[in-house]
Amino acid sequence: MTHKSLEKIEVSRRTLLVAGTAVGLSSVILPSATVAADWKNPRPAIVDGVRPFKVGVPEKALIDLRGRLLETRWPESETVTDRSQGVQPAKLKELVDYWRTSYDWRKAERKLNSYAQFIANIDGLDIHFIHVRSLHENALPLVMTHGWPGSVFELLNVISPLTDPTAHGGSADDAFHVVLPSIPGFGFSEKPTTTGWNPQRIANAWDTLMKRLGYDHYVSQGGDWGAIINDALARQAPQGLLGIHVNRVERATTFPPDAAAALKAGGPPPETLSADERVVFNEAKDFLANGFGYAAIMGTRPETIGYGIADSPVGLAAWLYDKIADWVYTRGEPEKVLSKDAILDNISLYWLTNTGPSSGRLYWENIVAGAKLTPSKVPVAVTVFPGEVYRPPKKWLSRAYPQLIYYNQAPKGGHFAAWEEPEVFTQEIRAGFRSFRS
């Protein structure tokens, strides 16, 4: 789809909205598991396999959610005084009470609908994406990918600084055209009904999407699953991909061989490591021992965990909140850096689209696909945030990224860098991709 085609669709959409006949262009999202098991969008104004999209959750789904929250059967309190057994009931009850009595999904809906959204059918699957073009002539096309337990919500606050840098302390030379797709099985993207939608296939779909939008060259950015998809894209190195930026690095591809062997054996760090490298080794060892259970479950039994998180909004909230709390820079206290509304926007999206189970299957797909340890074939920029789970030193990255052109350690921020610290994140994206501009 060309830029002119997208402009025609947007003009048509606005015309219908003014005329009060936008129902045909408004995709009604099916929210709750009790309302329906799946949702299908109407198919208006399809151009090159792309159609406009607008979020509109039926009110009965929100009533159903509040009713379920009210009828929650809570577990007894933990037998410890810290988070070592998981999300603490007192903490979750406070969040859930706010969710039921004060939180307003319609504000989140309006925020999403303030951006141009579309559905593209790629490789037989409907992919939801936000597309915001910069007004600056030489803007660089950028596809950005979220992770788990995140969504496009974690990236919304960087759209304006990236597309309109002059309004946010930057130069017109820093401008990007931004494309934010939802990973298959997440948010408003369709849920795969067959196996095979692994990071390699998703990366190929992203390349198809960018070219369908008329971009003959582009860059790609991601953290968490977005980084894994980015790495897959960089290994494929399709024509037009200039390079990638990641704010999360895969341990398996960057750990020194002797350290990797010691980690696998559960032993101490090798003598060859420096003091700083031993800190990274011990953090990785602790994470695998005490923080990796969520991935082990979804990587082997996504359907089993899926029943509980599809049926109970509190079960889903606990499952997602646990990792949000674990991975923010303010460890265990996400509310210090994210508002309750921001956290619940993300959790509500998972609930209203019933994508808790389907998003977890990506872990299973990745394991079935097998490890892909070949190096990137394109230039790579890396930002390491201090609250990230794995913080490799620069010299460890050469195995995975032989064309490392940018490396920086950010002053603050955690795993959800764009969500937690949008200003710092924006500065890193600008710096990381500056050398890619003609």
Protein backbone atom coordinates (compact mmCIF):
# COMPACT_ATOMS: atom_id res chain seq x y z
CA MET A 1 0.00 0.00 0.00
CA THR A 2 1.42 3.39 -0.95
CA HIS A 3 1.44 6.55 1.15
CA LYS A 4 -1.18 8.05 -1.19
CA SER A 5 -3.43 5.02 -0.70
CA LEU A 6 -3.22 5.45 3.07
CA GLU A 7 -4.02 9.13 2.72
CA LYS A 8 -7.09 8.27 0.61
CA ILE A 9 -8.30 5.84 3.26
CA GLU A 10 -7.83 8.41 6.01
CA VAL A 11 -9.69 11.10 4.05
CA SER A 12 -12.54 8.64 3.41
CA ARG A 13 -12.65 7.70 7.10
CA ARG A 14 -12.82 11.32 8.21
CA THR A 15 -15.56 12.05 5.65
CA LEU A 16 -17.68 9.20 6.94
CA LEU A 17 -17.12 10.23 10.55
CA VAL A 18 -18.28 13.74 9.80
CA ALA A 19 -21.32 12.34 8.00
CA GLY A 20 -22.06 10.17 11.04
CA THR A 21 -21.82 6.93 9.07
CA ALA A 22 -18.51 5.60 10.34
CA VAL A 23 -19.93 2.31 11.54
CA GLY A 24 -18.70 0.53 8.44
CA LEU A 25 -15.15 1.66 9.07
CA SER A 26 -15.17 1.11 12.80
CA SER A 27 -13.91 -2.31 13.78
CA VAL A 28 -15.88 -3.49 16.77
CA ILE A 29 -13.58 -5.40 19.08
CA LEU A 30 -14.90 -8.36 20.84
CA PRO A 31 -13.79 -8.18 24.33
CA SER A 32 -14.56 -10.69 26.95
CA ALA A 33 -14.33 -14.45 26.92
CA THR A 34 -17.97 -14.61 28.01
CA VAL A 35 -19.09 -12.28 25.25
CA ALA A 36 -17.35 -14.27 22.54
CA ALA A 37 -14.39 -16.53 22.09
CA ASP A 38 -13.03 -14.66 19.07
CA TRP A 39 -13.67 -11.51 17.09
CA LYS A 40 -13.79 -10.73 13.42
CA ASN A 41 -13.57 -7.28 11.92
CA PRO A 42 -15.76 -5.97 9.13
CA ARG A 43 -13.75 -5.54 5.95
CA PRO A 44 -14.37 -2.03 4.65
CA ALA A 45 -12.14 0.04 2.39
CA ILE A 46 -9.56 -2.65 1.73
CA VAL A 47 -6.62 -1.29 -0.28
CA ASP A 48 -3.66 -3.56 -1.00
CA GLY A 49 -4.80 -5.84 1.82
CA VAL A 50 -4.90 -2.99 4.36
CA ARG A 51 -8.04 -1.57 5.97
CA PRO A 52 -8.65 1.15 8.59
CA PHE A 53 -9.21 0.10 12.16
CA LYS A 54 -10.78 1.68 15.20
CA VAL A 55 -11.18 0.28 18.71
CA GLY A 56 -14.71 0.09 20.09
CA VAL A 57 -15.24 -2.28 23.01
CA PRO A 58 -18.93 -3.06 23.72
CA GLU A 59 -20.08 -1.75 27.07
CA LYS A 60 -21.33 -5.20 28.10
CA ALA A 61 -17.75 -6.42 28.08
CA LEU A 62 -16.74 -3.73 30.58
CA ILE A 63 -19.75 -4.55 32.76
CA ASP A 64 -18.76 -8.22 32.64
CA LEU A 65 -15.20 -7.31 33.68
CA ARG A 66 -16.36 -5.29 36.68
CA GLY A 67 -18.66 -8.12 37.73
CA ARG A 68 -15.85 -10.65 37.59
CA LEU A 69 -13.60 -8.36 39.62
CA LEU A 70 -16.29 -7.99 42.26
CA GLU A 71 -16.73 -11.77 42.55
CA THR A 72 -13.02 -12.59 42.83
CA ARG A 73 -12.12 -15.45 45.14
CA TRP A 74 -8.85 -14.35 46.71
CA PRO A 75 -6.11 -16.62 48.02
CA GLU A 76 -4.92 -16.34 51.60
CA SER A 77 -2.00 -14.08 52.35
CA GLU A 78 1.53 -15.22 51.60
CA THR A 79 3.65 -16.76 54.38
CA VAL A 80 6.55 -14.38 53.84
CA THR A 81 6.91 -10.63 54.15
CA ASP A 82 8.48 -9.99 50.77
CA ARG A 83 7.78 -10.75 47.08
CA SER A 84 9.60 -14.08 47.06
CA GLN A 85 6.32 -16.02 46.68
CA GLY A 86 4.98 -13.73 43.97
CA VAL A 87 2.58 -10.81 43.81
CA GLN A 88 1.49 -9.82 47.28
CA PRO A 89 -2.31 -9.84 47.83
CA ALA A 90 -2.33 -6.41 49.46
CA LYS A 91 -0.63 -4.90 46.44
CA LEU A 92 -2.87 -6.62 43.91
CA LYS A 93 -6.07 -5.90 45.82
CA GLU A 94 -5.27 -2.20 45.72
CA LEU A 95 -4.75 -2.33 41.96
CA VAL A 96 -7.88 -4.43 41.37
CA ASP A 97 -10.04 -2.16 43.52
CA TYR A 98 -8.91 0.79 41.42
CA TRP A 99 -9.55 -1.24 38.24
CA ARG A 100 -13.13 -1.96 39.32
CA THR A 101 -14.11 1.41 40.77
CA SER A 102 -12.02 4.14 39.14
CA TYR A 103 -10.26 2.98 36.01
CA ASP A 104 -11.74 4.15 32.68
CA TRP A 105 -11.02 1.99 29.63
CA ARG A 106 -12.66 4.57 27.39
CA LYS A 107 -9.72 6.93 28.01
CA ALA A 108 -7.36 4.20 26.82
CA GLU A 109 -9.59 3.61 23.83
CA ARG A 110 -9.53 7.29 22.92
CA LYS A 111 -5.76 7.33 23.22
CA LEU A 112 -5.45 4.42 20.79
CA ASN A 113 -7.99 5.93 18.42
CA SER A 114 -6.11 9.23 18.35
CA TYR A 115 -3.59 7.43 16.10
CA ALA A 116 -4.18 6.10 12.61
CA GLN A 117 -4.66 2.36 13.01
CA PHE A 118 -4.94 -0.32 10.35
CA ILE A 119 -5.25 -4.05 9.80
CA ALA A 120 -3.08 -5.71 7.16
CA ASN A 121 -3.55 -9.30 6.09
CA ILE A 122 -0.05 -10.76 5.81
CA ASP A 123 0.70 -14.43 5.23
CA GLY A 124 -2.96 -15.24 5.93
CA LEU A 125 -3.09 -13.42 9.29
CA ASP A 126 -4.62 -10.04 10.19
CA ILE A 127 -1.97 -7.79 11.71
CA HIS A 128 -2.95 -4.67 13.66
CA PHE A 129 -0.62 -1.68 13.43
CA ILE A 130 -0.39 2.02 14.16
CA HIS A 131 1.15 4.14 11.41
CA VAL A 132 2.17 7.75 12.03
CA ARG A 133 4.03 9.59 9.29
CA SER A 134 6.25 12.53 10.16
CA LEU A 135 5.71 15.90 8.51
CA HIS A 136 9.47 16.18 8.01
CA GLU A 137 10.50 15.35 4.47
CA ASN A 138 13.58 13.23 5.23
CA ALA A 139 12.09 11.17 8.06
CA LEU A 140 13.50 7.67 8.42
CA PRO A 141 10.92 4.81 8.32
CA LEU A 142 10.98 2.86 11.60
CA VAL A 143 9.13 -0.27 12.65
CA MET A 144 9.04 -0.77 16.43
CA THR A 145 7.98 -3.95 18.20
CA HIS A 146 6.70 -4.41 21.75
CA GLY A 147 7.19 -7.46 23.97
CA TRP A 148 5.48 -9.51 26.68
CA PRO A 149 3.82 -8.67 29.04
CA GLY A 150 3.61 -5.44 27.08
CA SER A 151 1.76 -4.18 24.04
CA VAL A 152 1.65 -1.16 21.75
CA PHE A 153 0.67 0.82 24.86
CA GLU A 154 4.27 0.70 26.08
CA LEU A 155 5.41 2.56 22.95
CA LEU A 156 2.69 5.20 22.50
CA ASN A 157 4.46 7.94 24.44
CA VAL A 158 7.45 7.95 22.10
CA ILE A 159 5.43 8.33 18.87
CA SER A 160 5.22 12.12 19.01
CA PRO A 161 8.89 12.72 19.98
CA LEU A 162 10.02 10.41 17.19
CA THR A 163 7.73 11.73 14.46
CA ASP A 164 7.81 15.39 15.53
CA PRO A 165 11.27 15.91 17.06
CA THR A 166 11.27 19.71 16.70
CA ALA A 167 8.40 19.86 19.21
CA HIS A 168 10.38 17.73 21.67
CA GLY A 169 13.84 19.24 21.79
CA GLY A 170 15.21 17.53 18.71
CA SER A 171 16.14 18.39 15.16
CA ALA A 172 14.15 17.77 11.99
CA ASP A 173 17.05 15.50 11.03
CA ASP A 174 15.96 13.15 13.84
CA ALA A 175 12.48 12.51 12.44
CA PHE A 176 10.98 9.06 11.87
CA HIS A 177 7.90 7.65 10.18
CA VAL A 178 6.68 5.21 12.87
CA VAL A 179 4.97 1.85 12.38
CA LEU A 180 3.91 -0.04 15.52
CA PRO A 181 2.55 -3.53 14.79
CA SER A 182 0.96 -5.80 17.38
CA ILE A 183 2.63 -9.22 17.44
CA PRO A 184 0.33 -12.05 16.21
CA GLY A 185 -1.71 -13.29 19.17
CA PHE A 186 -1.27 -9.98 21.02
CA GLY A 187 -3.72 -7.10 21.29
CA PHE A 188 -5.78 -6.52 18.15
CA SER A 189 -3.72 -8.72 15.85
CA GLU A 190 -5.30 -12.01 14.89
CA LYS A 191 -4.52 -15.13 16.88
CA PRO A 192 -2.74 -17.84 14.88
CA THR A 193 -4.79 -21.02 14.62
CA THR A 194 -1.90 -23.14 13.35
CA THR A 195 1.70 -23.50 14.48
CA GLY A 196 4.65 -21.75 12.91
CA TRP A 197 4.26 -18.11 13.90
CA ASN A 198 7.71 -17.87 15.44
CA PRO A 199 10.04 -14.83 15.54
CA GLN A 200 11.51 -15.68 12.12
CA ARG A 201 8.10 -15.70 10.47
CA ILE A 202 7.02 -12.54 12.28
CA ALA A 203 10.21 -10.78 11.15
CA ASN A 204 9.40 -11.71 7.56
CA ALA A 205 5.87 -10.36 8.04
CA TRP A 206 7.26 -7.05 9.32
CA ASP A 207 9.40 -6.72 6.20
CA THR A 208 6.33 -7.40 4.06
CA LEU A 209 4.37 -4.80 6.02
CA MET A 210 6.98 -2.08 5.61
CA LYS A 211 7.24 -2.67 1.89
CA ARG A 212 3.48 -2.79 1.49
CA LEU A 213 3.37 0.63 3.14
CA GLY A 214 5.69 1.89 0.42
CA TYR A 215 8.98 2.00 2.33
CA ASP A 216 11.84 0.71 0.21
CA HIS A 217 14.26 1.20 3.09
CA TYR A 218 13.73 1.24 6.85
CA VAL A 219 15.18 0.53 10.29
CA SER A 220 13.78 -1.66 13.05
CA GLN A 221 13.72 -1.37 16.85
CA GLY A 222 12.64 -3.62 19.69
CA GLY A 223 12.97 -4.82 23.26
CA ASP A 224 11.95 -8.15 24.79
CA TRP A 225 10.20 -10.12 22.00
CA GLY A 226 10.69 -7.07 19.83
CA ALA A 227 14.45 -7.55 20.19
CA ILE A 228 14.20 -11.26 19.35
CA ILE A 229 12.12 -10.45 16.27
CA ASN A 230 14.65 -7.73 15.45
CA ASP A 231 17.50 -10.23 15.68
CA ALA A 232 15.63 -12.59 13.34
CA LEU A 233 15.10 -9.73 10.91
CA ALA A 234 18.80 -8.82 11.08
CA ARG A 235 19.78 -12.42 10.33
CA GLN A 236 17.44 -12.49 7.33
CA ALA A 237 18.76 -9.07 6.21
CA PRO A 238 16.02 -8.42 3.64
CA GLN A 239 16.68 -5.82 0.99
CA GLY A 240 15.88 -2.38 2.35
CA LEU A 241 16.64 -3.12 6.02
CA LEU A 242 19.34 -0.61 6.94
CA GLY A 243 19.91 -1.80 10.50
CA ILE A 244 18.38 -2.43 13.90
CA HIS A 245 18.41 -1.05 17.43
CA VAL A 246 17.73 -3.23 20.47
CA ASN A 247 17.34 -2.37 24.14
CA ARG A 248 17.38 -6.00 25.21
CA VAL A 249 20.05 -8.49 24.17
CA GLU A 250 19.80 -12.28 23.97
CA ARG A 251 22.07 -13.94 26.52
CA ALA A 252 22.52 -17.13 24.48
CA THR A 253 24.03 -15.27 21.54
CA THR A 254 26.39 -13.03 23.52
CA PHE A 255 27.66 -14.93 26.58
CA PRO A 256 31.35 -15.94 26.28
CA PRO A 257 31.58 -19.72 25.69
CA ASP A 258 33.32 -20.49 29.00
CA ALA A 259 30.77 -18.41 30.91
CA ALA A 260 27.89 -20.07 29.06
CA ALA A 261 29.23 -23.52 29.98
CA ALA A 262 29.63 -22.51 33.62
CA LEU A 263 26.12 -21.07 33.69
CA LYS A 264 24.64 -24.24 32.22
CA ALA A 265 26.47 -26.35 34.79
CA GLY A 266 25.28 -24.12 37.62
CA GLY A 267 28.83 -23.35 38.63
CA PRO A 268 30.64 -20.16 39.66
CA PRO A 269 31.78 -17.57 37.11
CA PRO A 270 35.02 -18.46 35.28
CA GLU A 271 38.26 -16.88 36.45
CA THR A 272 38.61 -15.31 33.01
CA LEU A 273 35.81 -12.87 33.76
CA SER A 274 36.48 -9.43 35.17
CA ALA A 275 34.77 -8.23 38.34
CA ASP A 276 32.12 -6.37 36.32
CA GLU A 277 31.56 -9.39 34.08
CA ARG A 278 31.08 -11.60 37.13
CA VAL A 279 28.28 -9.32 38.25
CA VAL A 280 26.54 -9.85 34.90
CA PHE A 281 27.15 -13.63 35.17
CA ASN A 282 25.69 -13.82 38.69
CA GLU A 283 22.65 -11.73 37.70
CA ALA A 284 21.99 -14.09 34.79
CA LYS A 285 22.40 -17.11 37.09
CA ASP A 286 19.95 -15.66 39.62
CA PHE A 287 17.43 -14.84 36.90
CA LEU A 288 17.51 -18.38 35.49
CA ALA A 289 17.13 -19.85 38.99
CA ASN A 290 14.52 -17.51 40.41
CA GLY A 291 12.93 -15.41 37.67
CA PHE A 292 12.52 -17.63 34.62
CA GLY A 293 9.58 -19.78 35.71
CA TYR A 294 7.03 -17.77 33.72
CA ALA A 295 8.88 -18.53 30.45
CA ALA A 296 9.30 -22.19 31.31
CA ILE A 297 5.55 -22.54 31.83
CA MET A 298 4.54 -20.70 28.65
CA GLY A 299 7.30 -22.38 26.67
CA THR A 300 6.03 -25.85 27.57
CA ARG A 301 2.39 -25.55 28.74
CA PRO A 302 0.86 -22.31 27.36
CA GLU A 303 -2.57 -23.91 27.08
CA THR A 304 -2.56 -25.05 30.70
CA ILE A 305 -1.81 -21.61 32.11
CA GLY A 306 -4.20 -20.17 29.53
CA TYR A 307 -7.36 -21.48 31.18
CA GLY A 308 -6.86 -19.47 34.35
CA ILE A 309 -5.82 -16.21 32.72
CA ALA A 310 -8.65 -16.42 30.16
CA ASP A 311 -11.26 -16.96 32.88
CA SER A 312 -10.11 -14.66 35.67
CA PRO A 313 -9.14 -11.01 35.18
CA VAL A 314 -7.41 -11.02 38.56
CA GLY A 315 -5.48 -14.14 37.58
CA LEU A 316 -4.41 -12.40 34.37
CA ALA A 317 -3.53 -9.20 36.25
CA ALA A 318 -1.35 -11.10 38.72
CA TRP A 319 0.40 -12.97 35.90
CA LEU A 320 1.26 -9.77 34.03
CA TYR A 321 1.84 -7.49 37.01
CA ASP A 322 4.36 -9.89 38.52
CA LYS A 323 6.76 -9.46 35.61
CA ILE A 324 6.09 -5.74 35.20
CA ALA A 325 7.05 -5.33 38.85
CA ASP A 326 10.10 -7.58 38.45
CA TRP A 327 11.52 -5.78 35.43
CA VAL A 328 10.98 -2.07 35.96
CA TYR A 329 13.96 -0.04 37.15
CA THR A 330 12.13 0.56 40.46
CA ARG A 331 12.17 -3.17 41.23
CA GLY A 332 8.93 -4.35 42.83
CA GLU A 333 7.39 -0.87 42.71
CA PRO A 334 6.10 -0.26 39.18
CA GLU A 335 3.77 2.48 40.42
CA LYS A 336 6.83 4.66 41.10
CA VAL A 337 7.46 4.93 37.37
CA LEU A 338 4.13 3.92 35.78
CA SER A 339 0.68 5.15 36.76
CA LYS A 340 -2.04 2.70 37.74
CA ASP A 341 -3.90 3.77 34.61
CA ALA A 342 -0.91 2.94 32.41
CA ILE A 343 -0.53 -0.49 33.99
CA LEU A 344 -4.25 -1.19 33.67
CA ASP A 345 -4.41 0.03 30.06
CA ASN A 346 -2.02 -2.78 29.22
CA ILE A 347 -3.68 -5.43 31.41
CA SER A 348 -7.14 -4.45 30.17
CA LEU A 349 -6.01 -4.82 26.56
CA TYR A 350 -4.97 -8.40 27.25
CA TRP A 351 -8.26 -9.11 29.02
CA LEU A 352 -10.62 -7.47 26.54
CA THR A 353 -9.01 -9.24 23.57
CA ASN A 354 -8.55 -12.51 25.51
CA THR A 355 -4.92 -12.66 24.38
CA GLY A 356 -3.36 -13.87 27.62
CA PRO A 357 -3.23 -17.46 26.32
CA SER A 358 -2.40 -16.67 22.68
CA SER A 359 0.45 -14.29 23.58
CA GLY A 360 2.03 -17.01 25.72
CA ARG A 361 2.22 -19.40 22.77
CA LEU A 362 5.03 -17.32 21.28
CA TYR A 363 7.31 -18.80 23.95
CA TRP A 364 6.32 -22.30 22.81
CA GLU A 365 6.78 -21.38 19.14
CA ASN A 366 10.25 -20.02 19.83
CA ILE A 367 11.35 -23.22 21.55
CA VAL A 368 9.94 -25.41 18.78
CA ALA A 369 11.67 -23.26 16.14
CA GLY A 370 15.00 -23.81 17.89
CA ALA A 371 17.85 -21.46 18.69
CA LYS A 372 19.11 -19.26 15.90
CA LEU A 373 22.63 -18.26 16.89
CA THR A 374 23.99 -16.96 13.59
CA PRO A 375 25.24 -13.36 13.74
CA SER A 376 23.37 -10.34 12.49
CA LYS A 377 24.05 -9.41 8.87
CA VAL A 378 23.23 -5.71 9.23
CA PRO A 379 24.55 -2.85 11.39
CA VAL A 380 23.27 -2.89 14.97
CA ALA A 381 22.82 -0.25 17.69
CA VAL A 382 22.45 -1.33 21.32
CA THR A 383 21.31 0.58 24.39
CA VAL A 384 21.67 -1.13 27.78
CA PHE A 385 19.32 0.22 30.43
CA PRO A 386 20.42 -0.17 34.07
CA GLY A 387 17.22 -1.95 35.14
CA GLU A 388 17.34 -4.53 32.34
CA VAL A 389 17.49 -8.19 33.38
CA TYR A 390 20.64 -8.86 31.31
CA ARG A 391 23.22 -6.08 30.85
CA PRO A 392 26.08 -7.37 28.67
CA PRO A 393 29.29 -5.38 28.33
CA LYS A 394 30.17 -4.08 24.90
CA LYS A 395 32.91 -6.62 24.23
CA TRP A 396 30.46 -9.51 24.64
CA LEU A 397 28.28 -8.34 21.76
CA SER A 398 30.66 -9.03 18.87
CA ARG A 399 29.57 -12.68 18.57
CA ALA A 400 25.98 -11.70 17.77
CA TYR A 401 26.58 -8.26 16.33
CA PRO A 402 29.81 -8.10 14.28
CA GLN A 403 28.63 -4.76 12.84
CA LEU A 404 28.00 -3.04 16.18
CA ILE A 405 27.97 0.67 15.36
CA TYR A 406 26.50 2.10 18.56
CA TYR A 407 26.60 1.05 22.21
CA ASN A 408 25.52 3.08 25.21
CA GLN A 409 24.58 2.50 28.82
CA ALA A 410 21.56 4.66 29.63
CA PRO A 411 21.41 6.51 32.96
CA LYS A 412 18.00 5.19 34.02
CA GLY A 413 15.20 2.91 32.90
CA GLY A 414 14.43 -0.77 32.97
CA HIS A 415 13.12 -3.53 30.75
CA PHE A 416 10.16 -1.40 29.59
CA ALA A 417 12.42 1.47 28.57
CA ALA A 418 10.03 3.38 26.29
CA TRP A 419 7.21 3.03 28.81
CA GLU A 420 9.28 3.97 31.86
CA GLU A 421 11.58 6.63 30.43
CA PRO A 422 10.22 7.85 27.08
CA GLU A 423 12.56 10.86 26.93
CA VAL A 424 15.72 8.82 27.53
CA PHE A 425 14.48 6.14 25.16
CA THR A 426 13.78 8.68 22.43
CA GLN A 427 17.26 10.15 22.77
CA GLU A 428 18.76 6.67 22.42
CA ILE A 429 16.75 5.89 19.29
CA ARG A 430 17.80 9.15 17.71
CA ALA A 431 21.47 8.56 18.57
CA GLY A 432 21.45 4.89 17.63
CA PHE A 433 20.03 5.47 14.16
CA ARG A 434 21.73 8.78 13.35
CA SER A 435 24.41 7.18 11.20
CA PHE A 436 21.78 5.38 9.08
CA ARG A 437 20.50 8.62 7.59
CA SER A 438 21.69 9.70 4.18
